[in-house]
Amino acid sequence: MFTDDLRMQEMIPEMYYLPEAFLNNNKFKFGTREDQRKVDDVELPPWAHSPEEFVRISREALESEIVSGQLHEWIDLVFGYKQHG
């Protein structure tokens, strides 16, 4: 999910409360990668050992004082005067 070349900028709400969103429980066939590995569950960053841990840590970060202190910036960017186009 996170690589050096790609950083997720926004996550859908389910990613803060639904660990199952990261698992391919229905075993859909998403194909294979260039290295022939099967595309299946979402690859989590190394610090998250399970989808539950990823959700817990992400939620703690979202609810942190740092994020709360910058929330108005995000609102201005997404809905307010900082929009472009």
PDB file of N, CA and C in Angstrom:
ATOM      1  N   MET A   1       0.813  -1.178   0.000  1.00  0.00           N
ATOM      2  CA  MET A   1       0.000   0.000   0.000  1.00  0.00           C
ATOM      3  C   MET A   1       0.861   1.247   0.000  1.00  0.00           C
ATOM      4  N   PHE A   2       1.866   1.309   0.838  1.00  0.00           N
ATOM      5  CA  PHE A   2       2.774   2.440   0.865  1.00  0.00           C
ATOM      6  C   PHE A   2       4.117   2.008   0.286  1.00  0.00           C
ATOM      7  N   THR A   3       4.629   2.764  -0.649  1.00  0.00           N
ATOM      8  CA  THR A   3       5.956   2.495  -1.179  1.00  0.00           C
ATOM      9  C   THR A   3       6.719   3.804  -1.194  1.00  0.00           C
ATOM     10  N   ASP A   4       7.984   3.754  -1.552  1.00  0.00           N
ATOM     11  CA  ASP A   4       8.764   4.979  -1.646  1.00  0.00           C
ATOM     12  C   ASP A   4       8.256   5.887  -2.758  1.00  0.00           C
ATOM     13  N   ASP A   5       7.669   5.292  -3.798  1.00  0.00           N
ATOM     14  CA  ASP A   5       7.215   6.076  -4.939  1.00  0.00           C
ATOM     15  C   ASP A   5       5.781   6.541  -4.816  1.00  0.00           C
ATOM     16  N   LEU A   6       4.986   5.915  -3.974  1.00  0.00           N
ATOM     17  CA  LEU A   6       3.567   6.206  -3.905  1.00  0.00           C
ATOM     18  C   LEU A   6       3.156   6.377  -2.456  1.00  0.00           C
ATOM     19  N   ARG A   7       2.548   7.490  -2.159  1.00  0.00           N
ATOM     20  CA  ARG A   7       2.045   7.749  -0.808  1.00  0.00           C
ATOM     21  C   ARG A   7       0.550   8.007  -0.901  1.00  0.00           C
ATOM     22  N   MET A   8      -0.203   7.340  -0.043  1.00  0.00           N
ATOM     23  CA  MET A   8      -1.637   7.570  -0.014  1.00  0.00           C
ATOM     24  C   MET A   8      -1.880   8.945   0.589  1.00  0.00           C
ATOM     25  N   GLN A   9      -2.654   9.767  -0.077  1.00  0.00           N
ATOM     26  CA  GLN A   9      -2.901  11.112   0.412  1.00  0.00           C
ATOM     27  C   GLN A   9      -4.172  11.188   1.250  1.00  0.00           C
ATOM     28  N   GLU A  10      -5.206  10.471   0.847  1.00  0.00           N
ATOM     29  CA  GLU A  10      -6.436  10.442   1.615  1.00  0.00           C
ATOM     30  C   GLU A  10      -6.944   9.015   1.654  1.00  0.00           C
ATOM     31  N   MET A  11      -7.554   8.660   2.769  1.00  0.00           N
ATOM     32  CA  MET A  11      -8.103   7.316   2.889  1.00  0.00           C
ATOM     33  C   MET A  11      -9.611   7.421   3.056  1.00  0.00           C
ATOM     34  N   ILE A  12     -10.327   6.447   2.518  1.00  0.00           N
ATOM     35  CA  ILE A  12     -11.767   6.419   2.688  1.00  0.00           C
ATOM     36  C   ILE A  12     -12.085   6.127   4.150  1.00  0.00           C
ATOM     37  N   PRO A  13     -13.247   6.555   4.645  1.00  0.00           N
ATOM     38  CA  PRO A  13     -13.567   6.363   6.070  1.00  0.00           C
ATOM     39  C   PRO A  13     -13.458   4.921   6.546  1.00  0.00           C
ATOM     40  N   GLU A  14     -13.799   3.948   5.706  1.00  0.00           N
ATOM     41  CA  GLU A  14     -13.740   2.549   6.115  1.00  0.00           C
ATOM     42  C   GLU A  14     -12.345   2.133   6.569  1.00  0.00           C
ATOM     43  N   MET A  15     -11.337   2.794   6.086  1.00  0.00           N
ATOM     44  CA  MET A  15      -9.973   2.427   6.444  1.00  0.00           C
ATOM     45  C   MET A  15      -9.600   2.857   7.864  1.00  0.00           C
ATOM     46  N   TYR A  16     -10.508   3.575   8.525  1.00  0.00           N
ATOM     47  CA  TYR A  16     -10.286   3.966   9.913  1.00  0.00           C
ATOM     48  C   TYR A  16     -11.100   3.132  10.894  1.00  0.00           C
ATOM     49  N   TYR A  17     -11.975   2.245  10.383  1.00  0.00           N
ATOM     50  CA  TYR A  17     -12.769   1.444  11.308  1.00  0.00           C
ATOM     51  C   TYR A  17     -13.069   0.030  10.825  1.00  0.00           C
ATOM     52  N   LEU A  18     -12.672  -0.327   9.608  1.00  0.00           N
ATOM     53  CA  LEU A  18     -13.061  -1.618   9.051  1.00  0.00           C
ATOM     54  C   LEU A  18     -11.837  -2.375   8.539  1.00  0.00           C
ATOM     55  N   PRO A  19     -11.174  -3.134   9.418  1.00  0.00           N
ATOM     56  CA  PRO A  19      -9.971  -3.862   8.995  1.00  0.00           C
ATOM     57  C   PRO A  19     -10.226  -4.819   7.827  1.00  0.00           C
ATOM     58  N   GLU A  20     -11.454  -5.300   7.708  1.00  0.00           N
ATOM     59  CA  GLU A  20     -11.791  -6.220   6.618  1.00  0.00           C
ATOM     60  C   GLU A  20     -11.637  -5.578   5.246  1.00  0.00           C
ATOM     61  N   ALA A  21     -11.613  -4.249   5.187  1.00  0.00           N
ATOM     62  CA  ALA A  21     -11.459  -3.546   3.909  1.00  0.00           C
ATOM     63  C   ALA A  21     -10.104  -3.839   3.264  1.00  0.00           C
ATOM     64  N   PHE A  22      -9.155  -4.328   4.047  1.00  0.00           N
ATOM     65  CA  PHE A  22      -7.814  -4.605   3.542  1.00  0.00           C
ATOM     66  C   PHE A  22      -7.623  -6.062   3.104  1.00  0.00           C
ATOM     67  N   LEU A  23      -8.663  -6.861   3.285  1.00  0.00           N
ATOM     68  CA  LEU A  23      -8.554  -8.292   2.996  1.00  0.00           C
ATOM     69  C   LEU A  23      -9.437  -8.691   1.817  1.00  0.00           C
ATOM     70  N   ASN A  24      -8.943  -9.576   1.007  1.00  0.00           N
ATOM     71  CA  ASN A  24      -9.686 -10.106  -0.129  1.00  0.00           C
ATOM     72  C   ASN A  24     -10.401 -11.384   0.320  1.00  0.00           C
ATOM     73  N   ASN A  25     -11.370 -11.214   1.228  1.00  0.00           N
ATOM     74  CA  ASN A  25     -12.065 -12.373   1.803  1.00  0.00           C
ATOM     75  C   ASN A  25     -12.865 -13.161   0.773  1.00  0.00           C
ATOM     76  N   ASN A  26     -13.300 -12.505  -0.289  1.00  0.00           N
ATOM     77  CA  ASN A  26     -14.092 -13.186  -1.320  1.00  0.00           C
ATOM     78  C   ASN A  26     -13.222 -13.843  -2.382  1.00  0.00           C
ATOM     79  N   LYS A  27     -11.914 -13.712  -2.224  1.00  0.00           N
ATOM     80  CA  LYS A  27     -10.931 -14.325  -3.139  1.00  0.00           C
ATOM     81  C   LYS A  27     -11.159 -13.931  -4.606  1.00  0.00           C
ATOM     82  N   PHE A  28     -11.472 -12.628  -4.815  1.00  0.00           N
ATOM     83  CA  PHE A  28     -11.570 -12.119  -6.172  1.00  0.00           C
ATOM     84  C   PHE A  28     -10.217 -12.249  -6.855  1.00  0.00           C
ATOM     85  N   LYS A  29     -10.216 -12.496  -8.140  1.00  0.00           N
ATOM     86  CA  LYS A  29      -8.981 -12.629  -8.896  1.00  0.00           C
ATOM     87  C   LYS A  29      -8.633 -11.266  -9.489  1.00  0.00           C
ATOM     88  N   PHE A  30      -7.665 -10.610  -8.888  1.00  0.00           N
ATOM     89  CA  PHE A  30      -7.233  -9.284  -9.320  1.00  0.00           C
ATOM     90  C   PHE A  30      -6.054  -9.345 -10.283  1.00  0.00           C
ATOM     91  N   GLY A  31      -5.641 -10.530 -10.649  1.00  0.00           N
ATOM     92  CA  GLY A  31      -4.543 -10.679 -11.591  1.00  0.00           C
ATOM     93  C   GLY A  31      -3.214 -10.851 -10.898  1.00  0.00           C
ATOM     94  N   THR A  32      -2.143 -10.610 -11.666  1.00  0.00           N
ATOM     95  CA  THR A  32      -0.793 -10.748 -11.136  1.00  0.00           C
ATOM     96  C   THR A  32       0.014  -9.492 -11.432  1.00  0.00           C
ATOM     97  N   ARG A  33       1.053  -9.312 -10.639  1.00  0.00           N
ATOM     98  CA  ARG A  33       1.959  -8.189 -10.834  1.00  0.00           C
ATOM     99  C   ARG A  33       2.991  -8.548 -11.889  1.00  0.00           C
ATOM    100  N   GLU A  34       3.806  -7.588 -12.254  1.00  0.00           N
ATOM    101  CA  GLU A  34       4.856  -7.843 -13.245  1.00  0.00           C
ATOM    102  C   GLU A  34       5.813  -8.945 -12.798  1.00  0.00           C
ATOM    103  N   ASP A  35       6.015  -9.072 -11.483  1.00  0.00           N
ATOM    104  CA  ASP A  35       6.907 -10.117 -10.973  1.00  0.00           C
ATOM    105  C   ASP A  35       6.172 -11.440 -10.756  1.00  0.00           C
ATOM    106  N   GLN A  36       4.957 -11.531 -11.265  1.00  0.00           N
ATOM    107  CA  GLN A  36       4.113 -12.730 -11.237  1.00  0.00           C
ATOM    108  C   GLN A  36       3.512 -13.053  -9.870  1.00  0.00           C
ATOM    109  N   ARG A  37       3.683 -12.145  -8.887  1.00  0.00           N
ATOM    110  CA  ARG A  37       3.009 -12.367  -7.604  1.00  0.00           C
ATOM    111  C   ARG A  37       1.521 -12.057  -7.763  1.00  0.00           C
ATOM    112  N   LYS A  38       0.687 -12.849  -7.124  1.00  0.00           N
ATOM    113  CA  LYS A  38      -0.753 -12.674  -7.190  1.00  0.00           C
ATOM    114  C   LYS A  38      -1.174 -11.418  -6.421  1.00  0.00           C
ATOM    115  N   VAL A  39      -2.067 -10.631  -6.990  1.00  0.00           N
ATOM    116  CA  VAL A  39      -2.640  -9.478  -6.298  1.00  0.00           C
ATOM    117  C   VAL A  39      -3.762 -10.014  -5.411  1.00  0.00           C
ATOM    118  N   ASP A  40      -3.674  -9.759  -4.109  1.00  0.00           N
ATOM    119  CA  ASP A  40      -4.660 -10.316  -3.181  1.00  0.00           C
ATOM    120  C   ASP A  40      -4.991  -9.281  -2.111  1.00  0.00           C
ATOM    121  N   ASP A  41      -4.602  -9.525  -0.871  1.00  0.00           N
ATOM    122  CA  ASP A  41      -4.859  -8.567   0.207  1.00  0.00           C
ATOM    123  C   ASP A  41      -4.030  -7.305  -0.006  1.00  0.00           C
ATOM    124  N   VAL A  42      -4.464  -6.211   0.614  1.00  0.00           N
ATOM    125  CA  VAL A  42      -3.717  -4.961   0.571  1.00  0.00           C
ATOM    126  C   VAL A  42      -2.403  -5.153   1.312  1.00  0.00           C
ATOM    127  N   GLU A  43      -1.314  -4.691   0.729  1.00  0.00           N
ATOM    128  CA  GLU A  43      -0.018  -4.751   1.412  1.00  0.00           C
ATOM    129  C   GLU A  43       0.057  -3.606   2.410  1.00  0.00           C
ATOM    130  N   LEU A  44       0.261  -3.956   3.648  1.00  0.00           N
ATOM    131  CA  LEU A  44       0.344  -2.968   4.717  1.00  0.00           C
ATOM    132  C   LEU A  44       1.781  -2.522   4.901  1.00  0.00           C
ATOM    133  N   PRO A  45       1.983  -1.327   5.467  1.00  0.00           N
ATOM    134  CA  PRO A  45       3.350  -0.890   5.747  1.00  0.00           C
ATOM    135  C   PRO A  45       3.992  -1.799   6.792  1.00  0.00           C
ATOM    136  N   PRO A  46       5.318  -1.839   6.835  1.00  0.00           N
ATOM    137  CA  PRO A  46       6.012  -2.762   7.746  1.00  0.00           C
ATOM    138  C   PRO A  46       5.656  -2.580   9.218  1.00  0.00           C
ATOM    139  N   TRP A  47       5.241  -1.400   9.628  1.00  0.00           N
ATOM    140  CA  TRP A  47       4.929  -1.164  11.033  1.00  0.00           C
ATOM    141  C   TRP A  47       3.566  -1.717  11.443  1.00  0.00           C
ATOM    142  N   ALA A  48       2.756  -2.128  10.497  1.00  0.00           N
ATOM    143  CA  ALA A  48       1.442  -2.693  10.803  1.00  0.00           C
ATOM    144  C   ALA A  48       1.486  -4.190  10.544  1.00  0.00           C
ATOM    145  N   HIS A  49       1.352  -4.968  11.585  1.00  0.00           N
ATOM    146  CA  HIS A  49       1.461  -6.418  11.458  1.00  0.00           C
ATOM    147  C   HIS A  49       0.132  -7.091  11.143  1.00  0.00           C
ATOM    148  N   SER A  50      -0.944  -6.314  11.147  1.00  0.00           N
ATOM    149  CA  SER A  50      -2.261  -6.848  10.824  1.00  0.00           C
ATOM    150  C   SER A  50      -3.152  -5.689  10.389  1.00  0.00           C
ATOM    151  N   PRO A  51      -4.245  -5.977   9.694  1.00  0.00           N
ATOM    152  CA  PRO A  51      -5.182  -4.911   9.351  1.00  0.00           C
ATOM    153  C   PRO A  51      -5.740  -4.216  10.595  1.00  0.00           C
ATOM    154  N   GLU A  52      -5.969  -4.979  11.650  1.00  0.00           N
ATOM    155  CA  GLU A  52      -6.487  -4.391  12.896  1.00  0.00           C
ATOM    156  C   GLU A  52      -5.500  -3.378  13.472  1.00  0.00           C
ATOM    157  N   GLU A  53      -4.215  -3.723  13.452  1.00  0.00           N
ATOM    158  CA  GLU A  53      -3.199  -2.811  13.966  1.00  0.00           C
ATOM    159  C   GLU A  53      -3.094  -1.564  13.085  1.00  0.00           C
ATOM    160  N   PHE A  54      -3.184  -1.732  11.767  1.00  0.00           N
ATOM    161  CA  PHE A  54      -3.144  -0.586  10.861  1.00  0.00           C
ATOM    162  C   PHE A  54      -4.295   0.372  11.153  1.00  0.00           C
ATOM    163  N   VAL A  55      -5.506  -0.170  11.330  1.00  0.00           N
ATOM    164  CA  VAL A  55      -6.677   0.660  11.627  1.00  0.00           C
ATOM    165  C   VAL A  55      -6.489   1.376  12.958  1.00  0.00           C
ATOM    166  N   ARG A  56      -6.015   0.657  13.967  1.00  0.00           N
ATOM    167  CA  ARG A  56      -5.827   1.257  15.297  1.00  0.00           C
ATOM    168  C   ARG A  56      -4.829   2.414  15.248  1.00  0.00           C
ATOM    169  N   ILE A  57      -3.687   2.191  14.622  1.00  0.00           N
ATOM    170  CA  ILE A  57      -2.653   3.223  14.562  1.00  0.00           C
ATOM    171  C   ILE A  57      -3.107   4.395  13.692  1.00  0.00           C
ATOM    172  N   SER A  58      -3.758   4.105  12.582  1.00  0.00           N
ATOM    173  CA  SER A  58      -4.252   5.174  11.709  1.00  0.00           C
ATOM    174  C   SER A  58      -5.285   6.033  12.426  1.00  0.00           C
ATOM    175  N   ARG A  59      -6.157   5.370  13.173  1.00  0.00           N
ATOM    176  CA  ARG A  59      -7.178   6.106  13.912  1.00  0.00           C
ATOM    177  C   ARG A  59      -6.552   6.962  15.014  1.00  0.00           C
ATOM    178  N   GLU A  60      -5.560   6.414  15.704  1.00  0.00           N
ATOM    179  CA  GLU A  60      -4.860   7.207  16.723  1.00  0.00           C
ATOM    180  C   GLU A  60      -4.222   8.445  16.091  1.00  0.00           C
ATOM    181  N   ALA A  61      -3.630   8.268  14.920  1.00  0.00           N
ATOM    182  CA  ALA A  61      -3.016   9.411  14.237  1.00  0.00           C
ATOM    183  C   ALA A  61      -4.076  10.432  13.834  1.00  0.00           C
ATOM    184  N   LEU A  62      -5.198   9.956  13.296  1.00  0.00           N
ATOM    185  CA  LEU A  62      -6.266  10.854  12.863  1.00  0.00           C
ATOM    186  C   LEU A  62      -6.825  11.659  14.035  1.00  0.00           C
ATOM    187  N   GLU A  63      -6.882  11.035  15.198  1.00  0.00           N
ATOM    188  CA  GLU A  63      -7.453  11.689  16.373  1.00  0.00           C
ATOM    189  C   GLU A  63      -6.409  12.430  17.210  1.00  0.00           C
ATOM    190  N   SER A  64      -5.186  12.513  16.715  1.00  0.00           N
ATOM    191  CA  SER A  64      -4.113  13.157  17.488  1.00  0.00           C
ATOM    192  C   SER A  64      -4.274  14.673  17.515  1.00  0.00           C
ATOM    193  N   GLU A  65      -3.595  15.297  18.459  1.00  0.00           N
ATOM    194  CA  GLU A  65      -3.642  16.757  18.571  1.00  0.00           C
ATOM    195  C   GLU A  65      -3.004  17.436  17.369  1.00  0.00           C
ATOM    196  N   ILE A  66      -1.980  16.824  16.790  1.00  0.00           N
ATOM    197  CA  ILE A  66      -1.320  17.397  15.612  1.00  0.00           C
ATOM    198  C   ILE A  66      -2.309  17.511  14.462  1.00  0.00           C
ATOM    199  N   VAL A  67      -3.042  16.432  14.197  1.00  0.00           N
ATOM    200  CA  VAL A  67      -4.023  16.454  13.107  1.00  0.00           C
ATOM    201  C   VAL A  67      -5.162  17.407  13.444  1.00  0.00           C
ATOM    202  N   SER A  68      -5.650  17.373  14.669  1.00  0.00           N
ATOM    203  CA  SER A  68      -6.729  18.279  15.068  1.00  0.00           C
ATOM    204  C   SER A  68      -6.326  19.736  14.880  1.00  0.00           C
ATOM    205  N   GLY A  69      -5.066  20.037  15.154  1.00  0.00           N
ATOM    206  CA  GLY A  69      -4.573  21.400  15.009  1.00  0.00           C
ATOM    207  C   GLY A  69      -4.433  21.852  13.564  1.00  0.00           C
ATOM    208  N   GLN A  70      -4.381  20.903  12.639  1.00  0.00           N
ATOM    209  CA  GLN A  70      -4.232  21.232  11.215  1.00  0.00           C
ATOM    210  C   GLN A  70      -5.515  20.983  10.422  1.00  0.00           C
ATOM    211  N   LEU A  71      -6.571  20.562  11.071  1.00  0.00           N
ATOM    212  CA  LEU A  71      -7.800  20.202  10.378  1.00  0.00           C
ATOM    213  C   LEU A  71      -8.365  21.352   9.553  1.00  0.00           C
ATOM    214  N   HIS A  72      -8.272  22.559  10.061  1.00  0.00           N
ATOM    215  CA  HIS A  72      -8.798  23.710   9.314  1.00  0.00           C
ATOM    216  C   HIS A  72      -8.076  23.889   7.981  1.00  0.00           C
ATOM    217  N   GLU A  73      -6.787  23.535   7.930  1.00  0.00           N
ATOM    218  CA  GLU A  73      -6.031  23.616   6.672  1.00  0.00           C
ATOM    219  C   GLU A  73      -6.580  22.637   5.649  1.00  0.00           C
ATOM    220  N   TRP A  74      -6.883  21.426   6.100  1.00  0.00           N
ATOM    221  CA  TRP A  74      -7.435  20.409   5.206  1.00  0.00           C
ATOM    222  C   TRP A  74      -8.807  20.837   4.695  1.00  0.00           C
ATOM    223  N   ILE A  75      -9.634  21.380   5.586  1.00  0.00           N
ATOM    224  CA  ILE A  75     -10.973  21.831   5.187  1.00  0.00           C
ATOM    225  C   ILE A  75     -10.862  22.937   4.144  1.00  0.00           C
ATOM    226  N   ASP A  76      -9.954  23.892   4.336  1.00  0.00           N
ATOM    227  CA  ASP A  76      -9.760  24.960   3.351  1.00  0.00           C
ATOM    228  C   ASP A  76      -9.269  24.403   2.022  1.00  0.00           C
ATOM    229  N   LEU A  77      -8.426  23.390   2.072  1.00  0.00           N
ATOM    230  CA  LEU A  77      -7.888  22.796   0.856  1.00  0.00           C
ATOM    231  C   LEU A  77      -8.958  22.023   0.091  1.00  0.00           C
ATOM    232  N   VAL A  78      -9.762  21.243   0.795  1.00  0.00           N
ATOM    233  CA  VAL A  78     -10.749  20.394   0.135  1.00  0.00           C
ATOM    234  C   VAL A  78     -12.025  21.156  -0.203  1.00  0.00           C
ATOM    235  N   PHE A  79     -12.480  22.003   0.704  1.00  0.00           N
ATOM    236  CA  PHE A  79     -13.777  22.646   0.507  1.00  0.00           C
ATOM    237  C   PHE A  79     -13.711  24.159   0.371  1.00  0.00           C
ATOM    238  N   GLY A  80     -12.589  24.764   0.692  1.00  0.00           N
ATOM    239  CA  GLY A  80     -12.539  26.211   0.811  1.00  0.00           C
ATOM    240  C   GLY A  80     -11.732  26.922  -0.237  1.00  0.00           C
ATOM    241  N   TYR A  81     -11.170  28.029   0.186  1.00  0.00           N
ATOM    242  CA  TYR A  81     -10.536  28.977  -0.721  1.00  0.00           C
ATOM    243  C   TYR A  81      -9.256  28.459  -1.355  1.00  0.00           C
ATOM    244  N   LYS A  82      -8.683  27.372  -0.841  1.00  0.00           N
ATOM    245  CA  LYS A  82      -7.434  26.848  -1.414  1.00  0.00           C
ATOM    246  C   LYS A  82      -7.671  25.892  -2.579  1.00  0.00           C
ATOM    247  N   GLN A  83      -8.928  25.693  -2.951  1.00  0.00           N
ATOM    248  CA  GLN A  83      -9.231  24.806  -4.080  1.00  0.00           C
ATOM    249  C   GLN A  83      -8.731  25.424  -5.372  1.00  0.00           C
ATOM    250  N   HIS A  84      -8.343  24.567  -6.303  1.00  0.00           N
ATOM    251  CA  HIS A  84      -7.931  25.010  -7.627  1.00  0.00           C
ATOM    252  C   HIS A  84      -8.816  24.325  -8.650  1.00  0.00           C
ATOM    253  N   GLY A  85      -9.138  25.049  -9.730  1.00  0.00           N
ATOM    254  CA  GLY A  85      -9.929  24.443 -10.801  1.00  0.00           C
ATOM    255  C   GLY A  85     -11.344  24.495 -10.488  1.00  0.00           C
TER     256      GLY A  85
END
